[in-house]
Amino acid sequence: MDRLEDDLIKKGERKVELWVNNIGIKTINMEFKNNDPFFNINTKEDLEKAKELMKNND
């Protein structure tokens, strides 16, 4: 079983930030000319913003 699977199943870890801090991470800075491809949709407002962004990309 790999580390991610072990932490998810045996330890019940669900927060990605905690998990990556435990395994060690490297931080990189990225800039995007257009929209952030990692845009996170958590709310209805985020979804509406995503829809608008998609319309503008057509």
PDB file of N, CA and C in Angstrom:
ATOM      1  N   MET A   1       0.859  -1.182   0.000  1.00  0.00           N
ATOM      2  CA  MET A   1       0.000   0.000   0.000  1.00  0.00           C
ATOM      3  C   MET A   1       0.899   1.237   0.000  1.00  0.00           C
ATOM      4  N   ASP A   2       0.623   2.199  -0.856  1.00  0.00           N
ATOM      5  CA  ASP A   2       1.463   3.382  -0.890  1.00  0.00           C
ATOM      6  C   ASP A   2       1.088   4.341   0.244  1.00  0.00           C
ATOM      7  N   ARG A   3       1.901   5.332   0.440  1.00  0.00           N
ATOM      8  CA  ARG A   3       1.749   6.245   1.580  1.00  0.00           C
ATOM      9  C   ARG A   3       0.404   6.974   1.584  1.00  0.00           C
ATOM     10  N   LEU A   4      -0.022   7.475   0.436  1.00  0.00           N
ATOM     11  CA  LEU A   4      -1.296   8.191   0.364  1.00  0.00           C
ATOM     12  C   LEU A   4      -2.448   7.270   0.758  1.00  0.00           C
ATOM     13  N   GLU A   5      -2.460   6.095   0.159  1.00  0.00           N
ATOM     14  CA  GLU A   5      -3.527   5.143   0.465  1.00  0.00           C
ATOM     15  C   GLU A   5      -3.502   4.757   1.944  1.00  0.00           C
ATOM     16  N   ASP A   6      -2.327   4.547   2.484  1.00  0.00           N
ATOM     17  CA  ASP A   6      -2.172   4.195   3.897  1.00  0.00           C
ATOM     18  C   ASP A   6      -2.712   5.313   4.786  1.00  0.00           C
ATOM     19  N   ASP A   7      -2.343   6.549   4.487  1.00  0.00           N
ATOM     20  CA  ASP A   7      -2.799   7.674   5.303  1.00  0.00           C
ATOM     21  C   ASP A   7      -4.308   7.877   5.180  1.00  0.00           C
ATOM     22  N   LEU A   8      -4.859   7.682   3.982  1.00  0.00           N
ATOM     23  CA  LEU A   8      -6.300   7.843   3.792  1.00  0.00           C
ATOM     24  C   LEU A   8      -7.093   6.758   4.515  1.00  0.00           C
ATOM     25  N   ILE A   9      -6.673   5.515   4.356  1.00  0.00           N
ATOM     26  CA  ILE A   9      -7.441   4.389   4.881  1.00  0.00           C
ATOM     27  C   ILE A   9      -7.166   4.153   6.362  1.00  0.00           C
ATOM     28  N   LYS A  10      -5.913   4.024   6.733  1.00  0.00           N
ATOM     29  CA  LYS A  10      -5.588   3.668   8.119  1.00  0.00           C
ATOM     30  C   LYS A  10      -5.676   4.849   9.075  1.00  0.00           C
ATOM     31  N   LYS A  11      -5.217   6.015   8.623  1.00  0.00           N
ATOM     32  CA  LYS A  11      -5.172   7.173   9.515  1.00  0.00           C
ATOM     33  C   LYS A  11      -6.359   8.099   9.340  1.00  0.00           C
ATOM     34  N   GLY A  12      -7.069   7.951   8.234  1.00  0.00           N
ATOM     35  CA  GLY A  12      -8.243   8.785   7.991  1.00  0.00           C
ATOM     36  C   GLY A  12      -7.921  10.231   7.658  1.00  0.00           C
ATOM     37  N   GLU A  13      -6.674  10.488   7.238  1.00  0.00           N
ATOM     38  CA  GLU A  13      -6.268  11.857   6.898  1.00  0.00           C
ATOM     39  C   GLU A  13      -6.996  12.309   5.640  1.00  0.00           C
ATOM     40  N   ARG A  14      -7.651  13.469   5.704  1.00  0.00           N
ATOM     41  CA  ARG A  14      -8.407  13.965   4.557  1.00  0.00           C
ATOM     42  C   ARG A  14      -7.946  15.351   4.110  1.00  0.00           C
ATOM     43  N   LYS A  15      -7.178  16.026   4.921  1.00  0.00           N
ATOM     44  CA  LYS A  15      -6.760  17.376   4.563  1.00  0.00           C
ATOM     45  C   LYS A  15      -5.434  17.296   3.801  1.00  0.00           C
ATOM     46  N   VAL A  16      -5.475  17.669   2.532  1.00  0.00           N
ATOM     47  CA  VAL A  16      -4.310  17.551   1.656  1.00  0.00           C
ATOM     48  C   VAL A  16      -3.129  18.348   2.209  1.00  0.00           C
ATOM     49  N   GLU A  17      -3.385  19.548   2.697  1.00  0.00           N
ATOM     50  CA  GLU A  17      -2.299  20.392   3.217  1.00  0.00           C
ATOM     51  C   GLU A  17      -1.534  19.689   4.344  1.00  0.00           C
ATOM     52  N   LEU A  18      -2.227  19.055   5.268  1.00  0.00           N
ATOM     53  CA  LEU A  18      -1.560  18.336   6.359  1.00  0.00           C
ATOM     54  C   LEU A  18      -0.775  17.149   5.823  1.00  0.00           C
ATOM     55  N   TRP A  19      -1.378  16.441   4.875  1.00  0.00           N
ATOM     56  CA  TRP A  19      -0.716  15.263   4.327  1.00  0.00           C
ATOM     57  C   TRP A  19       0.588  15.630   3.633  1.00  0.00           C
ATOM     58  N   VAL A  20       0.559  16.650   2.759  1.00  0.00           N
ATOM     59  CA  VAL A  20       1.774  17.008   2.039  1.00  0.00           C
ATOM     60  C   VAL A  20       2.834  17.579   2.968  1.00  0.00           C
ATOM     61  N   ASN A  21       2.414  18.278   4.016  1.00  0.00           N
ATOM     62  CA  ASN A  21       3.395  18.776   4.984  1.00  0.00           C
ATOM     63  C   ASN A  21       4.081  17.631   5.714  1.00  0.00           C
ATOM     64  N   ASN A  22       3.368  16.531   5.928  1.00  0.00           N
ATOM     65  CA  ASN A  22       3.951  15.360   6.596  1.00  0.00           C
ATOM     66  C   ASN A  22       4.924  14.597   5.707  1.00  0.00           C
ATOM     67  N   ILE A  23       4.696  14.597   4.396  1.00  0.00           N
ATOM     68  CA  ILE A  23       5.588  13.838   3.509  1.00  0.00           C
ATOM     69  C   ILE A  23       6.712  14.696   2.947  1.00  0.00           C
ATOM     70  N   GLY A  24       6.581  16.005   3.104  1.00  0.00           N
ATOM     71  CA  GLY A  24       7.583  16.915   2.558  1.00  0.00           C
ATOM     72  C   GLY A  24       7.166  17.396   1.183  1.00  0.00           C
ATOM     73  N   ILE A  25       7.252  18.689   0.984  1.00  0.00           N
ATOM     74  CA  ILE A  25       6.844  19.274  -0.294  1.00  0.00           C
ATOM     75  C   ILE A  25       7.857  20.300  -0.752  1.00  0.00           C
ATOM     76  N   LYS A  26       7.800  20.612  -2.010  1.00  0.00           N
ATOM     77  CA  LYS A  26       8.567  21.719  -2.564  1.00  0.00           C
ATOM     78  C   LYS A  26       7.550  22.709  -3.113  1.00  0.00           C
ATOM     79  N   THR A  27       7.744  23.957  -2.807  1.00  0.00           N
ATOM     80  CA  THR A  27       6.826  24.993  -3.255  1.00  0.00           C
ATOM     81  C   THR A  27       7.379  25.665  -4.498  1.00  0.00           C
ATOM     82  N   ILE A  28       6.510  25.863  -5.465  1.00  0.00           N
ATOM     83  CA  ILE A  28       6.894  26.601  -6.661  1.00  0.00           C
ATOM     84  C   ILE A  28       5.893  27.727  -6.869  1.00  0.00           C
ATOM     85  N   ASN A  29       6.357  28.822  -7.395  1.00  0.00           N
ATOM     86  CA  ASN A  29       5.470  29.932  -7.729  1.00  0.00           C
ATOM     87  C   ASN A  29       5.144  29.846  -9.209  1.00  0.00           C
ATOM     88  N   MET A  30       3.860  29.984  -9.506  1.00  0.00           N
ATOM     89  CA  MET A  30       3.418  29.884 -10.885  1.00  0.00           C
ATOM     90  C   MET A  30       2.547  31.090 -11.209  1.00  0.00           C
ATOM     91  N   GLU A  31       2.722  31.604 -12.413  1.00  0.00           N
ATOM     92  CA  GLU A  31       1.874  32.678 -12.893  1.00  0.00           C
ATOM     93  C   GLU A  31       1.195  32.218 -14.173  1.00  0.00           C
ATOM     94  N   PHE A  32      -0.051  32.626 -14.338  1.00  0.00           N
ATOM     95  CA  PHE A  32      -0.816  32.220 -15.506  1.00  0.00           C
ATOM     96  C   PHE A  32      -1.258  33.455 -16.262  1.00  0.00           C
ATOM     97  N   LYS A  33      -1.088  33.437 -17.567  1.00  0.00           N
ATOM     98  CA  LYS A  33      -1.515  34.563 -18.401  1.00  0.00           C
ATOM     99  C   LYS A  33      -3.030  34.688 -18.386  1.00  0.00           C
ATOM    100  N   ASN A  34      -3.722  33.574 -18.373  1.00  0.00           N
ATOM    101  CA  ASN A  34      -5.179  33.572 -18.384  1.00  0.00           C
ATOM    102  C   ASN A  34      -5.685  33.148 -17.012  1.00  0.00           C
ATOM    103  N   ASN A  35      -6.710  32.378 -16.984  1.00  0.00           N
ATOM    104  CA  ASN A  35      -7.311  31.945 -15.721  1.00  0.00           C
ATOM    105  C   ASN A  35      -6.479  30.878 -15.024  1.00  0.00           C
ATOM    106  N   ASP A  36      -6.577  30.868 -13.721  1.00  0.00           N
ATOM    107  CA  ASP A  36      -5.897  29.877 -12.896  1.00  0.00           C
ATOM    108  C   ASP A  36      -6.491  28.496 -13.177  1.00  0.00           C
ATOM    109  N   PRO A  37      -5.709  27.547 -13.709  1.00  0.00           N
ATOM    110  CA  PRO A  37      -6.251  26.219 -14.009  1.00  0.00           C
ATOM    111  C   PRO A  37      -6.578  25.422 -12.743  1.00  0.00           C
ATOM    112  N   PHE A  38      -6.160  25.922 -11.598  1.00  0.00           N
ATOM    113  CA  PHE A  38      -6.427  25.244 -10.331  1.00  0.00           C
ATOM    114  C   PHE A  38      -7.555  25.916  -9.555  1.00  0.00           C
ATOM    115  N   PHE A  39      -8.360  26.717 -10.251  1.00  0.00           N
ATOM    116  CA  PHE A  39      -9.488  27.401  -9.621  1.00  0.00           C
ATOM    117  C   PHE A  39     -10.339  26.393  -8.870  1.00  0.00           C
ATOM    118  N   ASN A  40     -10.607  26.664  -7.606  1.00  0.00           N
ATOM    119  CA  ASN A  40     -11.319  25.745  -6.737  1.00  0.00           C
ATOM    120  C   ASN A  40     -12.779  26.170  -6.612  1.00  0.00           C
ATOM    121  N   ILE A  41     -13.688  25.257  -6.831  1.00  0.00           N
ATOM    122  CA  ILE A  41     -15.116  25.556  -6.741  1.00  0.00           C
ATOM    123  C   ILE A  41     -15.669  24.915  -5.469  1.00  0.00           C
ATOM    124  N   ASN A  42     -16.000  25.777  -4.502  1.00  0.00           N
ATOM    125  CA  ASN A  42     -16.544  25.297  -3.230  1.00  0.00           C
ATOM    126  C   ASN A  42     -17.935  25.840  -2.926  1.00  0.00           C
ATOM    127  N   THR A  43     -18.313  26.918  -3.563  1.00  0.00           N
ATOM    128  CA  THR A  43     -19.583  27.567  -3.254  1.00  0.00           C
ATOM    129  C   THR A  43     -20.373  27.799  -4.545  1.00  0.00           C
ATOM    130  N   LYS A  44     -21.619  28.172  -4.375  1.00  0.00           N
ATOM    131  CA  LYS A  44     -22.432  28.511  -5.544  1.00  0.00           C
ATOM    132  C   LYS A  44     -21.826  29.708  -6.274  1.00  0.00           C
ATOM    133  N   GLU A  45     -21.278  30.644  -5.512  1.00  0.00           N
ATOM    134  CA  GLU A  45     -20.649  31.818  -6.118  1.00  0.00           C
ATOM    135  C   GLU A  45     -19.428  31.416  -6.943  1.00  0.00           C
ATOM    136  N   ASP A  46     -18.644  30.476  -6.417  1.00  0.00           N
ATOM    137  CA  ASP A  46     -17.490  29.969  -7.171  1.00  0.00           C
ATOM    138  C   ASP A  46     -17.942  29.320  -8.470  1.00  0.00           C
ATOM    139  N   LEU A  47     -19.038  28.570  -8.405  1.00  0.00           N
ATOM    140  CA  LEU A  47     -19.556  27.905  -9.595  1.00  0.00           C
ATOM    141  C   LEU A  47     -19.990  28.928 -10.632  1.00  0.00           C
ATOM    142  N   GLU A  48     -20.655  29.965 -10.189  1.00  0.00           N
ATOM    143  CA  GLU A  48     -21.074  31.009 -11.128  1.00  0.00           C
ATOM    144  C   GLU A  48     -19.866  31.696 -11.755  1.00  0.00           C
ATOM    145  N   LYS A  49     -18.833  31.943 -10.949  1.00  0.00           N
ATOM    146  CA  LYS A  49     -17.608  32.552 -11.476  1.00  0.00           C
ATOM    147  C   LYS A  49     -16.968  31.621 -12.509  1.00  0.00           C
ATOM    148  N   ALA A  50     -16.945  30.330 -12.219  1.00  0.00           N
ATOM    149  CA  ALA A  50     -16.364  29.360 -13.150  1.00  0.00           C
ATOM    150  C   ALA A  50     -17.135  29.346 -14.467  1.00  0.00           C
ATOM    151  N   LYS A  51     -18.466  29.420 -14.380  1.00  0.00           N
ATOM    152  CA  LYS A  51     -19.272  29.459 -15.595  1.00  0.00           C
ATOM    153  C   LYS A  51     -18.945  30.682 -16.435  1.00  0.00           C
ATOM    154  N   GLU A  52     -18.772  31.825 -15.772  1.00  0.00           N
ATOM    155  CA  GLU A  52     -18.417  33.049 -16.489  1.00  0.00           C
ATOM    156  C   GLU A  52     -17.042  32.927 -17.142  1.00  0.00           C
ATOM    157  N   LEU A  53     -16.103  32.351 -16.415  1.00  0.00           N
ATOM    158  CA  LEU A  53     -14.761  32.153 -16.967  1.00  0.00           C
ATOM    159  C   LEU A  53     -14.805  31.257 -18.197  1.00  0.00           C
ATOM    160  N   MET A  54     -15.632  30.208 -18.135  1.00  0.00           N
ATOM    161  CA  MET A  54     -15.752  29.294 -19.268  1.00  0.00           C
ATOM    162  C   MET A  54     -16.363  30.001 -20.476  1.00  0.00           C
ATOM    163  N   LYS A  55     -17.343  30.865 -20.245  1.00  0.00           N
ATOM    164  CA  LYS A  55     -17.963  31.601 -21.345  1.00  0.00           C
ATOM    165  C   LYS A  55     -16.935  32.485 -22.038  1.00  0.00           C
ATOM    166  N   ASN A  56     -16.066  33.090 -21.237  1.00  0.00           N
ATOM    167  CA  ASN A  56     -15.051  34.000 -21.783  1.00  0.00           C
ATOM    168  C   ASN A  56     -13.952  33.263 -22.536  1.00  0.00           C
ATOM    169  N   ASN A  57     -13.832  31.960 -22.317  1.00  0.00           N
ATOM    170  CA  ASN A  57     -12.806  31.177 -23.004  1.00  0.00           C
ATOM    171  C   ASN A  57     -13.276  30.612 -24.339  1.00  0.00           C
ATOM    172  N   ASP A  58     -14.556  30.730 -24.621  1.00  0.00           N
ATOM    173  CA  ASP A  58     -15.092  30.191 -25.891  1.00  0.00           C
ATOM    174  C   ASP A  58     -14.647  30.977 -27.085  1.00  0.00           C
TER     175      ASP A  58
END
